[in-house]
Amino acid sequence: MRLPAEWERQSGVQLTWPHCDTDWYQLDKVLACYVRIASAVQGYEQLVIVTRDIEETKRDIRKYSLSENAPVSVDDVAFYESPLNDTWARDHGGISVYGDGSEKQVLDFVFNGWGLKFGANLDNQITRNIFREGAFSSDVRLVDKRPFVLEGGSIDSDGLGTLLTTTDCLCSLNRNEYLSKAEIEYRLKQDFGLRRVLWLDHGAIIGDDTDSHVDTLARFCSPDTIAYTCSEDSEDLKSMEEQLSTFRTLKGEPYNLLPLPLPDPLYLGDYRLPATYANFLIVNGAVLVPGTGGPKDEIARTQLQKAFPDRIIELLDCKALLSGHGSLHCVTMQYPEGWLNNAK
């Protein structure tokens, strides 16, 4: 069993499309952002869109492609219909692993709305729905991992058997509180074929309601490099930085740590939004980075170029997604090469 790293070759990226009954503020701005993401993904690989209404989504794409100057080839999108509560594909999407003998598996964990905070009864069925609709290649097997609760945004893999995660999320109430931390780690090792789990005991982004998903805090960029959210104004993030400095690679060496600035504060009314550059998405040949339009965007781009010297670093305006308390990585889910039907 092996959980691949995100930088490995991909067959495509899934978006789950917003509609008027999803929990988004300023839906028009969110749809425009989704079209920008769709256009960017399609520039590098197959785009998969899960939606409650394919024709409605095609109209959205055509409308906002023009206004955003973000071309999307609708005819090349793999569409699948499914009822849905919301659109956070990272957390309700299936997690891809290589089984014994390189068998292709999509693991289907329970998604319960980040610890029963939000409705998820429909989103919890999306992966099995699109599997039945033929989204995956015939040699991909869907593996039911229920009743274990796990969101894709809560874990990050180096592809070699190391998992990075946070204690606050995986050990939180209303997820798997019937298990001890040691039992949760054992389950992760079994399900993903891990050699070890690196637990972050510190780190939180103001405004985050995921209980500290690791994809807002620290991300593997290679087996020996971790990019992480850094701020001198946050004691918690400084404590996370100190803990990261104690981690060692599988070869016993310190990680190359690349600090990413915390974006300047953004608000919705009096509520501070959870902006972070760590919520980037790695695709074939590029890294898509959630920009805010602020002066720190270029600092983040420069830092990530150091981590990915052979990839294009592409900034996308994702401010609209912050109104839903997430960003670019949160709304996407990648699948490895050979996993999807109709993949280019």
Protein backbone atom coordinates (compact mmCIF):
# COMPACT_ATOMS: atom_id res chain seq x y z
CA MET A 1 0.00 0.00 0.00
CA ARG A 2 1.28 3.49 -0.85
CA LEU A 3 -0.21 6.98 -0.63
CA PRO A 4 1.32 8.96 -3.51
CA ALA A 5 2.65 12.49 -3.16
CA GLU A 6 0.71 15.27 -4.84
CA TRP A 7 3.62 16.11 -7.15
CA GLU A 8 3.46 12.70 -8.83
CA ARG A 9 1.98 12.53 -12.32
CA GLN A 10 -1.79 13.08 -12.31
CA SER A 11 -4.66 12.09 -14.59
CA GLY A 12 -6.91 14.94 -13.53
CA VAL A 13 -8.41 17.22 -10.88
CA GLN A 14 -11.97 17.22 -9.53
CA LEU A 15 -14.06 20.30 -8.77
CA THR A 16 -17.49 20.05 -7.17
CA TRP A 17 -19.55 22.87 -8.61
CA PRO A 18 -21.38 25.52 -6.52
CA HIS A 19 -25.05 26.31 -6.98
CA CYS A 20 -27.60 28.60 -5.34
CA ASP A 21 -28.34 26.17 -2.49
CA THR A 22 -24.70 25.70 -1.47
CA ASP A 23 -23.37 27.66 1.48
CA TRP A 24 -21.53 30.43 -0.37
CA TYR A 25 -21.56 34.19 0.10
CA GLN A 26 -21.56 36.23 -3.11
CA LEU A 27 -22.13 33.24 -5.36
CA ASP A 28 -21.35 35.21 -8.51
CA LYS A 29 -17.80 35.93 -7.30
CA VAL A 30 -17.37 32.32 -6.22
CA LEU A 31 -18.49 31.02 -9.62
CA ALA A 32 -16.07 33.38 -11.33
CA CYS A 33 -13.29 32.00 -9.14
CA TYR A 34 -14.27 28.42 -9.93
CA VAL A 35 -14.06 29.20 -13.64
CA ARG A 36 -10.57 30.67 -13.16
CA ILE A 37 -9.53 27.48 -11.37
CA ALA A 38 -11.17 25.31 -14.03
CA SER A 39 -9.34 27.18 -16.78
CA ALA A 40 -6.01 26.88 -14.98
CA VAL A 41 -6.41 23.15 -14.31
CA GLN A 42 -7.45 22.48 -17.90
CA GLY A 43 -4.25 24.09 -19.07
CA TYR A 44 -2.32 21.20 -17.51
CA GLU A 45 -4.56 18.14 -17.27
CA GLN A 46 -8.05 16.63 -17.35
CA LEU A 47 -10.79 18.55 -15.53
CA VAL A 48 -13.55 16.62 -13.74
CA ILE A 49 -16.63 18.49 -12.54
CA VAL A 50 -19.21 17.00 -10.17
CA THR A 51 -22.45 18.97 -10.23
CA ARG A 52 -26.12 18.63 -9.40
CA ASP A 53 -27.03 19.88 -12.89
CA ILE A 54 -24.67 19.56 -15.85
CA GLU A 55 -26.50 22.00 -18.12
CA GLU A 56 -26.66 24.65 -15.39
CA THR A 57 -22.93 24.29 -14.84
CA LYS A 58 -22.17 24.56 -18.53
CA ARG A 59 -24.09 27.86 -18.59
CA ASP A 60 -22.08 29.10 -15.60
CA ILE A 61 -18.82 28.20 -17.31
CA ARG A 62 -19.72 29.88 -20.59
CA LYS A 63 -20.88 33.02 -18.79
CA TYR A 64 -17.89 33.49 -16.51
CA SER A 65 -15.31 32.29 -19.02
CA LEU A 66 -16.12 35.41 -21.02
CA SER A 67 -16.20 37.87 -18.12
CA GLU A 68 -13.04 36.46 -16.51
CA ASN A 69 -11.10 35.90 -19.74
CA ALA A 70 -10.59 32.35 -18.49
CA PRO A 71 -11.24 29.92 -21.35
CA VAL A 72 -12.65 26.51 -20.47
CA SER A 73 -13.31 23.88 -23.13
CA VAL A 74 -16.68 22.53 -21.96
CA ASP A 75 -16.49 19.67 -24.44
CA ASP A 76 -13.30 18.40 -22.80
CA VAL A 77 -14.66 18.43 -19.24
CA ALA A 78 -15.69 15.09 -17.68
CA PHE A 79 -19.03 15.92 -16.01
CA TYR A 80 -20.79 13.77 -13.41
CA GLU A 81 -24.09 14.51 -11.71
CA SER A 82 -24.65 13.94 -8.00
CA PRO A 83 -26.74 15.54 -5.24
CA LEU A 84 -24.52 17.68 -3.03
CA ASN A 85 -24.57 19.81 0.11
CA ASP A 86 -21.49 21.89 -0.60
CA THR A 87 -18.41 21.96 -2.81
CA TRP A 88 -15.27 21.10 -0.80
CA ALA A 89 -13.90 18.33 -3.04
CA ARG A 90 -10.70 17.96 -1.01
CA ASP A 91 -12.65 16.70 1.96
CA HIS A 92 -15.47 14.68 0.42
CA GLY A 93 -13.36 13.36 -2.47
CA GLY A 94 -11.94 9.86 -2.58
CA ILE A 95 -8.29 9.40 -1.60
CA SER A 96 -6.15 7.50 -4.11
CA VAL A 97 -3.66 4.83 -3.04
CA TYR A 98 -1.62 2.11 -4.71
CA GLY A 99 -2.50 -1.27 -3.26
CA ASP A 100 -0.50 -4.47 -3.38
CA GLY A 101 1.08 -4.97 -6.79
CA SER A 102 0.32 -1.35 -7.76
CA GLU A 103 -3.43 -2.03 -7.64
CA LYS A 104 -5.35 1.24 -8.03
CA GLN A 105 -7.70 2.03 -5.18
CA VAL A 106 -9.92 4.96 -4.23
CA LEU A 107 -10.51 4.96 -0.50
CA ASP A 108 -13.93 6.23 0.59
CA PHE A 109 -13.87 7.51 4.17
CA VAL A 110 -16.72 9.10 6.09
CA PHE A 111 -17.10 12.83 5.52
CA ASN A 112 -19.25 14.29 8.30
CA GLY A 113 -18.98 18.04 7.76
CA TRP A 114 -15.76 18.63 9.71
CA GLY A 115 -16.94 17.02 12.92
CA LEU A 116 -20.70 17.53 12.46
CA LYS A 117 -20.40 21.31 12.04
CA PHE A 118 -22.25 21.35 8.71
CA GLY A 119 -24.63 19.12 6.76
CA ALA A 120 -22.80 16.46 4.72
CA ASN A 121 -25.29 13.65 4.10
CA LEU A 122 -25.16 14.18 0.31
CA ASP A 123 -21.46 15.02 0.05
CA ASN A 124 -20.69 11.81 1.94
CA GLN A 125 -22.11 9.87 -1.05
CA ILE A 126 -20.37 11.73 -3.89
CA THR A 127 -17.37 9.43 -4.35
CA ARG A 128 -19.46 6.27 -4.61
CA ASN A 129 -21.95 8.08 -6.88
CA ILE A 130 -19.34 9.13 -9.43
CA PHE A 131 -17.68 5.73 -9.17
CA ARG A 132 -20.99 4.14 -10.23
CA GLU A 133 -21.24 6.70 -13.05
CA GLY A 134 -17.92 5.53 -14.47
CA ALA A 135 -15.61 8.38 -13.43
CA PHE A 136 -12.74 5.98 -12.77
CA SER A 137 -10.88 3.56 -14.98
CA SER A 138 -12.07 -0.05 -15.00
CA ASP A 139 -9.02 -1.20 -13.04
CA VAL A 140 -9.66 1.20 -10.14
CA ARG A 141 -11.33 -0.35 -7.09
CA LEU A 142 -13.49 1.60 -4.65
CA VAL A 143 -12.65 0.60 -1.07
CA ASP A 144 -15.08 1.48 1.72
CA LYS A 145 -13.22 2.73 4.81
CA ARG A 146 -16.24 3.57 6.94
CA PRO A 147 -16.83 4.25 9.81
CA PHE A 148 -13.45 6.04 9.96
CA VAL A 149 -13.83 9.80 9.45
CA LEU A 150 -11.10 11.45 7.40
CA GLU A 151 -10.83 14.53 5.19
CA GLY A 152 -8.24 14.89 2.45
CA GLY A 153 -7.24 18.34 3.70
CA SER A 154 -6.17 16.87 7.03
CA ILE A 155 -3.29 14.81 5.61
CA ASP A 156 -0.24 15.35 3.40
CA SER A 157 2.07 12.66 1.99
CA ASP A 158 5.71 12.57 0.86
CA GLY A 159 4.93 9.51 -1.28
CA LEU A 160 7.54 7.46 0.58
CA GLY A 161 5.60 6.46 3.66
CA THR A 162 5.58 9.66 5.75
CA LEU A 163 2.29 11.39 6.57
CA LEU A 164 2.04 14.93 7.94
CA THR A 165 -1.08 15.77 9.94
CA THR A 166 -2.34 17.67 12.99
CA THR A 167 -3.39 16.45 16.40
CA ASP A 168 -6.15 19.07 16.70
CA CYS A 169 -7.97 17.73 13.64
CA LEU A 170 -7.57 13.97 13.71
CA CYS A 171 -8.08 13.74 17.46
CA SER A 172 -11.00 16.18 17.60
CA LEU A 173 -14.47 15.47 18.91
CA ASN A 174 -17.14 14.16 16.53
CA ARG A 175 -14.63 12.58 14.18
CA ASN A 176 -12.98 9.48 15.68
CA GLU A 177 -13.07 10.26 19.38
CA TYR A 178 -13.78 6.61 20.17
CA LEU A 179 -10.14 5.95 19.17
CA SER A 180 -6.98 7.03 20.98
CA LYS A 181 -4.27 8.92 19.14
CA ALA A 182 -2.20 5.71 18.98
CA GLU A 183 -5.17 3.82 17.51
CA ILE A 184 -5.76 6.55 14.92
CA GLU A 185 -2.09 6.41 13.92
CA TYR A 186 -2.29 2.62 13.58
CA ARG A 187 -5.36 2.99 11.35
CA LEU A 188 -3.59 5.56 9.16
CA LYS A 189 -0.55 3.30 8.80
CA GLN A 190 -2.72 0.37 7.81
CA ASP A 191 -4.89 2.27 5.33
CA PHE A 192 -2.05 4.15 3.65
CA GLY A 193 0.90 1.78 4.06
CA LEU A 194 2.80 4.34 6.12
CA ARG A 195 6.15 4.00 7.81
CA ARG A 196 5.44 6.89 10.18
CA VAL A 197 3.15 9.81 11.01
CA LEU A 198 4.46 13.29 11.84
CA TRP A 199 1.98 14.96 14.19
CA LEU A 200 1.86 18.75 14.39
CA ASP A 201 0.68 19.75 17.85
CA HIS A 202 0.58 23.48 17.07
CA GLY A 203 -0.66 25.69 14.28
CA ALA A 204 -3.96 27.36 13.54
CA ILE A 205 -5.16 29.98 11.07
CA ILE A 206 -7.59 32.55 12.46
CA GLY A 207 -11.04 31.96 10.98
CA ASP A 208 -10.41 28.30 10.15
CA ASP A 209 -13.24 25.92 11.08
CA THR A 210 -11.60 22.62 10.06
CA ASP A 211 -9.78 22.17 13.39
CA SER A 212 -6.41 22.92 11.75
CA HIS A 213 -6.30 21.05 8.47
CA VAL A 214 -2.65 20.53 7.62
CA ASP A 215 -3.16 21.90 4.08
CA THR A 216 -3.57 25.37 5.60
CA LEU A 217 -0.37 25.03 7.62
CA ALA A 218 2.45 22.86 6.24
CA ARG A 219 2.91 20.93 2.99
CA PHE A 220 5.46 18.55 1.56
CA CYS A 221 7.06 19.96 -1.61
CA SER A 222 9.49 17.05 -1.96
CA PRO A 223 10.60 14.22 0.35
CA ASP A 224 13.01 16.63 2.07
CA THR A 225 11.22 20.00 1.81
CA ILE A 226 8.24 21.40 3.72
CA ALA A 227 6.65 24.77 3.00
CA TYR A 228 4.82 26.20 5.99
CA THR A 229 2.77 29.19 7.11
CA CYS A 230 4.87 31.62 9.11
CA SER A 231 3.97 34.67 11.19
CA GLU A 232 5.86 36.48 13.92
CA ASP A 233 2.51 37.72 15.23
CA SER A 234 1.24 34.24 16.09
CA GLU A 235 2.72 32.34 19.01
CA ASP A 236 0.95 29.22 17.82
CA LEU A 237 2.52 29.39 14.36
CA LYS A 238 5.92 30.07 15.90
CA SER A 239 5.48 26.95 18.03
CA MET A 240 4.60 25.01 14.88
CA GLU A 241 7.78 26.30 13.21
CA GLU A 242 9.83 25.13 16.19
CA GLN A 243 8.26 21.68 16.04
CA LEU A 244 8.85 21.43 12.28
CA SER A 245 12.54 22.14 12.92
CA THR A 246 12.70 19.00 15.10
CA PHE A 247 11.28 16.71 12.39
CA ARG A 248 13.69 14.58 10.41
CA THR A 249 13.49 13.00 6.96
CA LEU A 250 13.57 9.25 6.51
CA LYS A 251 17.33 9.66 6.06
CA GLY A 252 17.56 11.28 9.50
CA GLU A 253 18.29 14.79 8.21
CA PRO A 254 16.49 18.05 9.04
CA TYR A 255 13.88 19.12 6.53
CA ASN A 256 14.51 22.06 4.24
CA LEU A 257 11.88 24.45 5.63
CA LEU A 258 10.45 27.18 3.40
CA PRO A 259 8.40 29.82 5.23
CA LEU A 260 5.35 31.23 3.49
CA PRO A 261 4.09 34.58 4.77
CA LEU A 262 0.65 34.84 6.30
CA PRO A 263 -1.41 37.05 3.97
CA ASP A 264 -2.44 40.45 5.24
CA PRO A 265 -5.74 40.22 7.17
CA LEU A 266 -8.93 39.96 5.14
CA TYR A 267 -12.38 40.30 6.69
CA LEU A 268 -16.02 39.54 5.97
CA GLY A 269 -17.67 42.08 8.23
CA ASP A 270 -15.92 41.58 11.56
CA TYR A 271 -14.91 38.00 10.78
CA ARG A 272 -11.28 37.43 9.86
CA LEU A 273 -10.98 35.07 6.92
CA PRO A 274 -8.52 32.11 6.97
CA ALA A 275 -6.18 33.18 4.17
CA THR A 276 -3.04 31.08 3.68
CA TYR A 277 -0.63 30.43 0.82
CA ALA A 278 -0.08 26.86 2.04
CA ASN A 279 -3.37 25.93 0.37
CA PHE A 280 -1.68 25.55 -3.03
CA LEU A 281 -2.47 22.80 -5.55
CA ILE A 282 0.24 20.86 -7.38
CA VAL A 283 -0.69 19.83 -10.95
CA ASN A 284 1.27 18.45 -13.88
CA GLY A 285 3.99 21.00 -14.62
CA ALA A 286 2.70 23.73 -12.33
CA VAL A 287 1.74 24.83 -8.83
CA LEU A 288 -1.48 26.83 -8.52
CA VAL A 289 -1.29 29.27 -5.61
CA PRO A 290 -4.26 31.05 -3.99
CA GLY A 291 -3.50 34.75 -4.28
CA THR A 292 -5.19 37.53 -2.33
CA GLY A 293 -4.13 40.48 -4.46
CA GLY A 294 -1.90 41.70 -1.64
CA PRO A 295 1.83 42.49 -1.61
CA LYS A 296 2.73 39.12 -0.07
CA ASP A 297 1.50 37.20 -3.13
CA GLU A 298 4.82 37.69 -4.87
CA ILE A 299 6.78 36.64 -1.77
CA ALA A 300 4.82 33.39 -1.65
CA ARG A 301 5.32 32.83 -5.38
CA THR A 302 9.07 33.33 -5.05
CA GLN A 303 9.31 30.95 -2.11
CA LEU A 304 7.35 28.23 -3.87
CA GLN A 305 9.46 28.64 -7.00
CA LYS A 306 12.44 27.62 -4.84
CA ALA A 307 10.58 24.45 -3.85
CA PHE A 308 9.42 23.69 -7.41
CA PRO A 309 12.15 25.02 -9.73
CA ASP A 310 10.92 22.98 -12.71
CA ARG A 311 7.26 24.00 -12.45
CA ILE A 312 5.32 27.11 -13.34
CA ILE A 313 4.09 28.94 -10.24
CA GLU A 314 0.69 30.38 -11.16
CA LEU A 315 -1.14 32.76 -8.83
CA LEU A 316 -4.94 32.68 -8.94
CA ASP A 317 -7.25 35.21 -7.30
CA CYS A 318 -9.08 33.09 -4.71
CA LYS A 319 -10.31 35.76 -2.31
CA ALA A 320 -13.93 34.80 -2.99
CA LEU A 321 -13.35 31.29 -1.64
CA LEU A 322 -12.29 32.66 1.73
CA SER A 323 -15.89 33.68 2.40
CA GLY A 324 -16.59 29.95 2.74
CA HIS A 325 -13.56 29.57 5.06
CA GLY A 326 -11.45 27.66 2.53
CA SER A 327 -9.37 28.15 -0.59
CA LEU A 328 -7.85 26.56 -3.68
CA HIS A 329 -6.60 23.22 -2.34
CA CYS A 330 -9.80 22.80 -0.34
CA VAL A 331 -12.04 22.88 -3.44
CA THR A 332 -9.95 20.48 -5.54
CA MET A 333 -8.97 16.81 -5.46
CA GLN A 334 -6.32 15.31 -7.72
CA TYR A 335 -6.17 11.72 -8.98
CA PRO A 336 -2.97 9.93 -10.06
CA GLU A 337 -2.15 9.06 -13.63
CA GLY A 338 -4.30 6.23 -14.92
CA TRP A 339 -7.10 6.69 -12.39
CA LEU A 340 -9.71 8.57 -14.45
CA ASN A 341 -11.75 7.70 -17.48
CA ASN A 342 -11.32 10.03 -20.46
CA ALA A 343 -8.12 11.46 -18.98
CA LYS A 344 -5.79 13.10 -21.49
